[in-house]
N, C-alpha and C. Protein backbone atom coordinates (compact mmCIF):
# COMPACT_ATOMS: atom_id res chain seq x y z
N MET A 1 31.29 50.53 38.18
CA MET A 1 30.24 50.32 36.96
C MET A 1 31.25 50.37 35.69
N LYS A 2 30.63 49.14 34.74
CA LYS A 2 31.30 48.87 33.44
C LYS A 2 31.15 50.03 32.73
N GLU A 3 31.94 50.30 31.66
CA GLU A 3 31.83 51.14 30.46
C GLU A 3 30.82 50.16 29.78
N VAL A 4 29.98 51.18 28.71
CA VAL A 4 28.95 50.75 27.86
C VAL A 4 29.29 51.81 26.60
N SER A 5 29.38 50.74 25.73
CA SER A 5 29.43 51.73 24.45
C SER A 5 28.65 52.33 23.60
N VAL A 6 28.56 53.16 22.78
CA VAL A 6 27.71 53.95 22.21
C VAL A 6 26.75 52.73 21.56
N ALA A 7 27.60 51.90 20.86
CA ALA A 7 26.71 50.90 20.09
C ALA A 7 25.69 50.01 20.68
N GLU A 8 26.22 49.75 21.80
CA GLU A 8 25.53 48.95 22.61
C GLU A 8 24.25 49.60 23.23
N MET A 9 24.37 50.97 23.62
CA MET A 9 23.19 51.79 23.98
C MET A 9 22.17 51.86 22.76
N LEU A 10 22.79 52.27 21.84
CA LEU A 10 22.04 52.41 20.47
C LEU A 10 21.25 51.05 20.14
N GLY A 11 22.02 49.80 20.33
CA GLY A 11 21.23 48.31 20.17
C GLY A 11 20.20 48.03 21.18
N LYS A 12 20.67 48.71 22.45
CA LYS A 12 19.29 48.52 23.29
C LYS A 12 18.35 49.41 23.09
N ALA A 13 18.44 50.44 22.62
CA ALA A 13 17.35 51.26 22.58
C ALA A 13 16.72 50.96 21.22
N VAL A 14 17.24 50.55 20.46
CA VAL A 14 16.32 49.90 19.01
C VAL A 14 15.94 48.66 19.28
N ALA A 15 16.52 47.84 20.22
CA ALA A 15 15.82 46.48 20.52
C ALA A 15 14.60 46.94 21.24
N ARG A 16 14.40 47.78 22.15
CA ARG A 16 13.34 48.21 23.02
C ARG A 16 12.37 49.08 22.50
N VAL A 17 12.75 49.59 21.36
CA VAL A 17 11.59 50.29 20.15
C VAL A 17 10.69 49.49 19.77
N ALA A 18 11.70 48.20 18.84
CA ALA A 18 11.11 47.07 18.38
C ALA A 18 10.29 46.12 18.93
N ALA A 19 10.37 46.06 20.28
CA ALA A 19 9.75 45.22 21.22
C ALA A 19 8.64 45.91 21.37
N VAL A 20 8.53 47.50 21.63
CA VAL A 20 7.23 47.96 21.75
C VAL A 20 6.36 48.19 20.76
N SER A 21 7.10 48.67 19.51
CA SER A 21 6.04 48.87 18.33
C SER A 21 5.38 47.25 17.77
N GLY A 22 6.43 46.38 17.88
CA GLY A 22 5.73 44.86 17.91
C GLY A 22 4.45 44.56 18.67
N GLY A 23 4.70 44.65 19.93
CA GLY A 23 3.44 44.46 20.74
C GLY A 23 2.25 45.34 20.62
N ILE A 24 2.64 46.50 19.94
CA ILE A 24 1.21 47.25 19.44
C ILE A 24 1.02 47.04 18.49
N ALA A 25 1.55 46.37 17.41
CA ALA A 25 0.90 45.95 16.21
C ALA A 25 0.34 44.78 16.33
N VAL A 26 0.64 43.75 17.24
CA VAL A 26 0.04 42.47 17.72
C VAL A 26 -1.26 42.91 17.91
N LEU A 27 -1.46 43.86 19.29
CA LEU A 27 -2.59 44.32 19.90
C LEU A 27 -3.72 45.01 18.52
N VAL A 28 -2.86 45.79 18.06
CA VAL A 28 -3.96 46.27 16.81
C VAL A 28 -4.39 45.42 15.81
N TRP A 29 -3.38 44.37 15.45
CA TRP A 29 -4.22 43.46 14.67
C TRP A 29 -5.37 42.31 15.34
N VAL A 30 -4.77 42.16 16.49
CA VAL A 30 -5.80 41.23 17.06
C VAL A 30 -7.02 42.34 17.13
N THR A 31 -7.20 43.14 17.74
CA THR A 31 -8.45 43.98 17.45
C THR A 31 -9.10 44.46 16.35
N TRP A 32 -7.97 44.24 15.10
CA TRP A 32 -9.17 44.32 14.08
C TRP A 32 -9.40 43.36 13.30
N VAL A 33 -8.91 41.73 13.87
CA VAL A 33 -9.75 40.83 13.71
C VAL A 33 -10.82 40.48 14.58
N MET A 34 -10.95 41.19 15.87
CA MET A 34 -12.08 40.78 16.44
C MET A 34 -13.35 41.38 15.96
N LEU A 35 -13.21 42.70 15.59
CA LEU A 35 -14.01 43.63 15.00
C LEU A 35 -14.39 43.35 13.68
N ASP A 36 -13.52 42.57 12.83
CA ASP A 36 -13.91 41.89 11.56
C ASP A 36 -14.82 40.62 11.82
N LEU A 37 -14.23 39.96 13.07
CA LEU A 37 -15.11 38.85 13.10
C LEU A 37 -16.70 39.07 13.67
N LYS A 38 -16.76 40.21 14.21
CA LYS A 38 -17.57 40.63 14.88
C LYS A 38 -18.85 41.27 13.67
N HIS A 39 -18.02 41.95 12.84
CA HIS A 39 -19.37 42.72 11.81
C HIS A 39 -19.20 41.43 10.76
N LEU A 40 -18.49 40.53 10.31
CA LEU A 40 -18.87 39.77 9.18
C LEU A 40 -18.79 38.51 9.46
N GLN A 41 -18.51 37.68 10.80
CA GLN A 41 -18.56 36.71 10.89
C GLN A 41 -18.15 35.47 9.77
N SER A 42 -16.94 36.08 9.14
CA SER A 42 -16.48 35.15 8.32
C SER A 42 -14.96 34.54 8.50
N GLY A 43 -14.68 34.54 9.50
CA GLY A 43 -13.44 33.86 9.91
C GLY A 43 -12.36 34.78 9.37
N PHE A 44 -10.83 34.43 10.12
CA PHE A 44 -9.79 35.32 9.94
C PHE A 44 -9.56 35.90 8.84
N THR A 45 -8.94 37.21 8.89
CA THR A 45 -8.67 37.64 7.83
C THR A 45 -7.43 38.65 7.88
N LEU A 46 -6.58 38.98 7.06
CA LEU A 46 -5.58 39.73 7.25
C LEU A 46 -5.91 41.04 6.88
N PRO A 47 -5.32 42.00 7.41
CA PRO A 47 -5.70 43.54 6.89
C PRO A 47 -5.06 43.63 5.91
């Protein structure tokens, strides 16, 4: 096994958290837009 530095471990953890939160944010935004379209029928809006 090769040595893994603390910085590298932290970097990977931060990257994973950022990717997961980004994915969740996109899902929430798409859901928001779909609900908005269903209720308003006025095109895409930013929350």
